[in-house]
């Protein structure tokens, strides 16, 4: 399979991405439980799974920067013996115009064959970009055939294969696709407590500069009030770090972050 379309995710990079991940513990636990059901499924139990419409398809939706991909990585890393793949469907569509359905079929057949040996995760990000609503799409017939093929594989209960998808625009997806996911969860902004934990989490290397509980709470309140995402906060931390050309790590601290948030508010 061409690595431009289907490539293996690096486990160490995934671990780095999920450091200091906070929030949605209940949802993450449920996805991990679903993984165990799929990966430990006995063939004789498939009929029970079919009756309850339980499969290994997970859809996370919400605005950009809320942590959808990090949550996927965290759940995938729960099974250290698995293989982790990501499908770049956008590249597949643009380079193989007219053969999209065929290529999707090849991808899933390859993964299903591999899943006979060990657990396999497939991550597809921003599926709204290449699997639009059939009723509104002006795409080529090939895209509609590709959508049908994709749904065919989502319909199956595939022991040892988990398909995890993310989207920023649930409303753009064909309802027929959405129905085929066992688990659908909106990833929204976290709570004040989650944001405080993000700042003080020991896996956050800057946590030593966030030891003032009062200031941390004020930061978290402002973050929630302004509906900022984890990505927004990290971007502000990046800007603080780049002051003095990145020579002073301690620039990224509670007081300076709060001041920057207030500066942005007063512009």
Protein backbone atom coordinates (compact mmCIF):
# COMPACT_ATOMS: atom_id res chain seq x y z
CA UNK A 1 0.00 0.00 0.00
CA UNK A 2 1.30 3.45 -0.94
CA UNK A 3 2.52 5.12 2.25
CA UNK A 4 1.12 8.44 1.04
CA UNK A 5 -2.34 7.11 1.79
CA UNK A 6 -1.85 4.68 4.64
CA UNK A 7 1.02 5.12 7.06
CA UNK A 8 1.98 3.84 10.48
CA UNK A 9 1.81 6.23 13.42
CA UNK A 10 4.90 6.56 15.57
CA UNK A 11 4.20 5.34 19.10
CA UNK A 12 6.68 7.71 20.74
CA UNK A 13 5.22 10.73 18.94
CA UNK A 14 1.76 9.64 20.05
CA UNK A 15 2.94 9.42 23.67
CA UNK A 16 4.33 12.96 23.45
CA UNK A 17 1.03 14.21 22.04
CA UNK A 18 -1.01 12.85 24.96
CA UNK A 19 1.21 14.19 27.73
CA UNK A 20 -0.80 16.29 30.18
CA UNK A 21 -4.03 15.28 28.46
CA UNK A 22 -6.95 16.10 30.75
CA UNK A 23 -10.71 15.90 30.61
CA UNK A 24 -13.17 13.43 29.11
CA UNK A 25 -11.97 10.64 31.39
CA UNK A 26 -15.37 8.92 31.30
CA UNK A 27 -15.53 9.00 27.51
CA UNK A 28 -11.94 7.80 27.16
CA UNK A 29 -12.63 4.92 29.52
CA UNK A 30 -15.70 3.93 27.49
CA UNK A 31 -13.73 3.94 24.23
CA UNK A 32 -11.01 1.82 25.85
CA UNK A 33 -13.66 -0.62 27.07
CA UNK A 34 -15.10 -0.79 23.56
CA UNK A 35 -11.60 -1.58 22.26
CA UNK A 36 -11.30 -4.50 24.67
CA UNK A 37 -14.68 -5.83 23.53
CA UNK A 38 -13.66 -5.66 19.87
CA UNK A 39 -10.17 -7.04 20.35
CA UNK A 40 -11.25 -9.86 22.68
CA UNK A 41 -14.39 -10.77 20.77
CA UNK A 42 -15.13 -14.45 20.31
CA UNK A 43 -16.57 -15.38 16.94
CA UNK A 44 -19.65 -16.88 18.59
CA UNK A 45 -20.42 -13.48 20.19
CA UNK A 46 -20.66 -11.58 16.91
CA UNK A 47 -24.43 -12.11 16.64
CA UNK A 48 -24.90 -10.48 20.04
CA UNK A 49 -22.79 -7.52 18.90
CA UNK A 50 -24.79 -7.23 15.68
CA UNK A 51 -28.08 -7.18 17.57
CA UNK A 52 -26.86 -4.27 19.72
CA UNK A 53 -25.17 -2.53 16.77
CA UNK A 54 -21.82 -2.64 18.55
CA UNK A 55 -18.82 -2.28 16.29
CA UNK A 56 -15.33 -0.82 16.48
CA UNK A 57 -16.27 2.52 14.89
CA UNK A 58 -15.73 5.67 16.95
CA UNK A 59 -16.51 9.24 15.87
CA UNK A 60 -15.27 12.28 17.77
CA UNK A 61 -16.65 15.65 16.70
CA UNK A 62 -16.17 19.23 17.82
CA UNK A 63 -14.38 22.42 16.93
CA UNK A 64 -10.63 22.39 16.13
CA UNK A 65 -8.14 22.38 18.98
CA UNK A 66 -10.31 20.64 21.57
CA UNK A 67 -8.15 17.51 21.69
CA UNK A 68 -9.95 15.01 19.45
CA UNK A 69 -6.78 13.55 17.98
CA UNK A 70 -5.03 13.41 21.36
CA UNK A 71 -7.99 11.50 22.80
CA UNK A 72 -7.75 9.03 19.91
CA UNK A 73 -4.03 8.56 20.55
CA UNK A 74 -4.62 8.05 24.27
CA UNK A 75 -7.21 5.35 23.62
CA UNK A 76 -5.09 3.66 20.97
CA UNK A 77 -2.05 3.50 23.24
CA UNK A 78 -4.10 1.50 25.72
CA UNK A 79 -3.28 -1.55 23.61
CA UNK A 80 0.52 -1.64 23.31
CA UNK A 81 0.50 -4.75 21.12
CA UNK A 82 -1.57 -3.08 18.40
CA UNK A 83 -0.53 -1.51 15.13
CA UNK A 84 -1.55 2.12 14.61
CA UNK A 85 -2.35 3.45 11.15
CA UNK A 86 -3.60 6.73 9.76
CA UNK A 87 -5.37 7.03 6.43
CA UNK A 88 -4.77 10.19 4.42
CA UNK A 89 -7.97 10.01 2.43
CA UNK A 90 -7.59 13.53 1.05
CA UNK A 91 -4.33 12.55 -0.68
CA UNK A 92 -5.88 9.31 -1.91
CA UNK A 93 -8.81 11.17 -3.46
CA UNK A 94 -6.75 13.91 -5.10
CA UNK A 95 -4.13 11.61 -6.62
CA UNK A 96 -6.35 8.72 -7.65
CA UNK A 97 -9.29 10.56 -9.14
CA UNK A 98 -11.68 7.99 -10.52
CA UNK A 99 -10.24 5.15 -8.46
CA UNK A 100 -11.10 6.28 -4.94
CA UNK A 101 -13.55 3.46 -4.27
CA UNK A 102 -11.04 0.88 -5.45
CA UNK A 103 -8.30 2.30 -3.24
CA UNK A 104 -10.54 2.42 -0.15
CA UNK A 105 -11.40 -1.21 -0.75
CA UNK A 106 -7.69 -2.09 -0.99
CA UNK A 107 -6.90 -0.23 2.24
CA UNK A 108 -9.57 -2.03 4.25
CA UNK A 109 -8.73 -5.43 2.79
CA UNK A 110 -5.10 -4.93 3.75
CA UNK A 111 -6.00 -3.87 7.29
CA UNK A 112 -8.47 -6.72 7.72
CA UNK A 113 -5.82 -9.18 6.60
CA UNK A 114 -3.35 -7.70 9.09
CA UNK A 115 -5.96 -7.75 11.87
CA UNK A 116 -6.03 -11.54 11.64
CA UNK A 117 -2.60 -11.49 13.28
CA UNK A 118 -2.87 -8.69 15.85
CA UNK A 119 -5.04 -5.69 16.86
CA UNK A 120 -5.18 -2.81 14.40
CA UNK A 121 -6.30 0.80 14.86
CA UNK A 122 -7.12 3.04 11.91
CA UNK A 123 -7.34 6.80 12.41
CA UNK A 124 -9.08 8.99 9.83
CA UNK A 125 -9.06 12.71 10.61
CA UNK A 126 -11.43 15.36 9.24
CA UNK A 127 -13.61 12.90 7.38
CA UNK A 128 -15.99 15.69 6.39
CA UNK A 129 -13.43 16.82 3.83
CA UNK A 130 -13.78 13.74 1.65
CA UNK A 131 -17.03 12.01 2.69
CA UNK A 132 -19.65 14.73 2.20
CA UNK A 133 -23.42 14.49 2.41
CA UNK A 134 -24.62 12.58 -0.65
CA UNK A 135 -27.74 14.72 -0.92
CA UNK A 136 -25.75 17.94 -1.18
CA UNK A 137 -22.49 16.86 -2.75
CA UNK A 138 -21.54 17.88 -6.29
CA UNK A 139 -18.62 15.47 -6.26
CA UNK A 140 -17.96 12.91 -8.93
CA UNK A 141 -19.78 9.62 -9.00
CA UNK A 142 -16.53 8.03 -7.88
CA UNK A 143 -16.81 9.82 -4.54
CA UNK A 144 -20.32 8.47 -4.07
CA UNK A 145 -19.11 4.96 -4.84
CA UNK A 146 -16.26 5.52 -2.37
CA UNK A 147 -18.78 6.53 0.27
CA UNK A 148 -20.77 3.37 -0.34
CA UNK A 149 -17.63 1.21 -0.05
CA UNK A 150 -16.61 2.98 3.15
CA UNK A 151 -20.03 2.39 4.70
CA UNK A 152 -19.86 -1.26 3.65
CA UNK A 153 -16.77 -1.75 5.81
CA UNK A 154 -18.21 0.28 8.68
CA UNK A 155 -21.27 -2.00 8.60
CA UNK A 156 -19.17 -5.04 9.35
CA UNK A 157 -18.17 -6.15 12.82
CA UNK A 158 -14.46 -6.65 12.38
CA UNK A 159 -12.84 -8.35 15.38
CA UNK A 160 -9.39 -6.87 15.96
CA UNK A 161 -10.03 -3.65 13.96
CA UNK A 162 -10.97 -0.27 15.44
CA UNK A 163 -11.79 2.66 13.13
CA UNK A 164 -11.47 6.03 14.88
CA UNK A 165 -12.58 9.15 13.00
CA UNK A 166 -12.64 12.85 13.80
CA UNK A 167 -14.56 15.72 12.27
CA UNK A 168 -14.87 19.44 12.87
CA UNK A 169 -18.21 19.62 11.07
CA UNK A 170 -20.64 16.88 12.02
CA UNK A 171 -23.42 18.67 10.15
CA UNK A 172 -21.54 18.17 6.88
CA UNK A 173 -21.47 14.39 7.18
CA UNK A 174 -23.94 12.12 5.47
CA UNK A 175 -26.35 10.91 8.19
CA UNK A 176 -25.90 7.38 6.83
CA UNK A 177 -22.25 7.50 7.90
CA UNK A 178 -22.98 8.92 11.35
CA UNK A 179 -25.41 6.07 12.08
CA UNK A 180 -22.66 3.52 11.52
CA UNK A 181 -20.58 4.59 14.50
CA UNK A 182 -21.15 2.74 17.77
CA UNK A 183 -19.70 5.59 19.76
CA UNK A 184 -20.23 9.27 18.93
CA UNK A 185 -19.08 11.98 21.30
CA UNK A 186 -18.83 15.74 21.04
CA UNK A 187 -15.50 17.06 22.29
CA UNK A 188 -16.13 20.52 23.69
CA UNK A 189 -14.23 22.88 25.93
CA UNK A 190 -13.16 21.43 29.24
CA UNK A 191 -14.08 22.58 32.73
CA UNK A 192 -12.20 25.03 34.94
CA UNK A 193 -10.89 22.07 36.94
CA UNK A 194 -9.62 20.39 33.77
CA UNK A 195 -7.76 23.53 32.73
CA UNK A 196 -6.18 23.89 36.18
CA UNK A 197 -5.08 20.27 36.00
CA UNK A 198 -3.60 20.85 32.55
CA UNK A 199 -1.41 23.65 33.93
CA UNK A 200 -0.25 21.75 37.02
CA UNK A 201 -0.07 18.23 35.61
CA UNK A 202 3.42 16.81 36.22
CA UNK A 203 3.49 15.61 32.62
CA UNK A 204 3.38 19.27 31.61
CA UNK A 205 7.07 20.26 31.82
CA UNK A 206 6.07 23.86 32.62
CA UNK A 207 4.03 22.84 35.67
CA UNK A 208 6.78 24.05 38.02
CA UNK A 209 6.00 27.61 36.91
CA UNK A 210 2.30 27.23 37.73
CA UNK A 211 2.41 26.82 41.50
CA UNK A 212 0.15 29.76 42.39
CA UNK A 213 -3.30 28.23 42.84
CA UNK A 214 -5.07 31.59 42.84
CA UNK A 215 -3.53 32.73 39.56
CA UNK A 216 -4.06 29.29 38.01
CA UNK A 217 -7.74 29.50 38.89
CA UNK A 218 -8.02 32.98 37.37
CA UNK A 219 -6.34 31.70 34.20
CA UNK A 220 -8.70 28.73 33.98
CA UNK A 221 -11.74 30.96 34.52
CA UNK A 222 -10.66 33.26 31.70
CA UNK A 223 -9.91 30.32 29.40
CA UNK A 224 -13.39 28.90 29.90
CA UNK A 225 -15.03 32.35 29.68
CA UNK A 226 -13.31 33.01 26.34
CA UNK A 227 -14.01 29.46 25.13
CA UNK A 228 -10.36 28.85 24.45
CA UNK A 229 -9.13 25.37 23.54
CA UNK A 230 -6.01 23.54 24.69
CA UNK A 231 -4.43 24.51 21.37
CA UNK A 232 -5.17 28.17 22.03
CA UNK A 233 -3.48 27.93 25.45
CA UNK A 234 -0.45 26.14 24.02
CA UNK A 235 -0.14 28.79 21.30
CA UNK A 236 0.00 31.49 23.99
CA UNK A 237 2.62 29.46 25.85
CA UNK A 238 4.62 29.24 22.62
CA UNK A 239 4.54 33.02 22.25
CA UNK A 240 5.75 33.44 25.83
CA UNK A 241 8.57 30.99 25.22
CA UNK A 242 9.68 32.84 22.09
CA UNK A 243 10.20 36.02 24.04
CA UNK A 244 13.93 36.61 24.46
CA UNK A 245 14.38 34.17 21.57
CA UNK A 246 13.39 31.22 23.69
CA UNK A 247 16.33 31.58 26.08
CA UNK A 248 14.19 31.80 29.19
CA UNK A 249 11.93 28.80 29.79
CA UNK A 250 10.63 30.53 32.91
CA UNK A 251 8.90 33.10 30.69
CA UNK A 252 6.12 30.53 30.48
CA UNK A 253 4.62 31.00 33.93
CA UNK A 254 1.26 31.64 35.56
CA UNK A 255 1.54 35.42 35.85
CA UNK A 256 2.83 35.97 32.32
CA UNK A 257 0.15 33.71 30.83
CA UNK A 258 -2.59 35.51 32.73
CA UNK A 259 -1.20 38.89 31.61
CA UNK A 260 -1.18 37.74 27.98
CA UNK A 261 -4.78 36.57 28.20
CA UNK A 262 -5.79 39.93 29.62
CA UNK A 263 -3.81 41.79 26.96
CA UNK A 264 -5.69 39.88 24.27
CA UNK A 265 -9.00 40.67 25.97
CA UNK A 266 -8.27 44.40 26.12
CA UNK A 267 -7.24 44.78 22.48
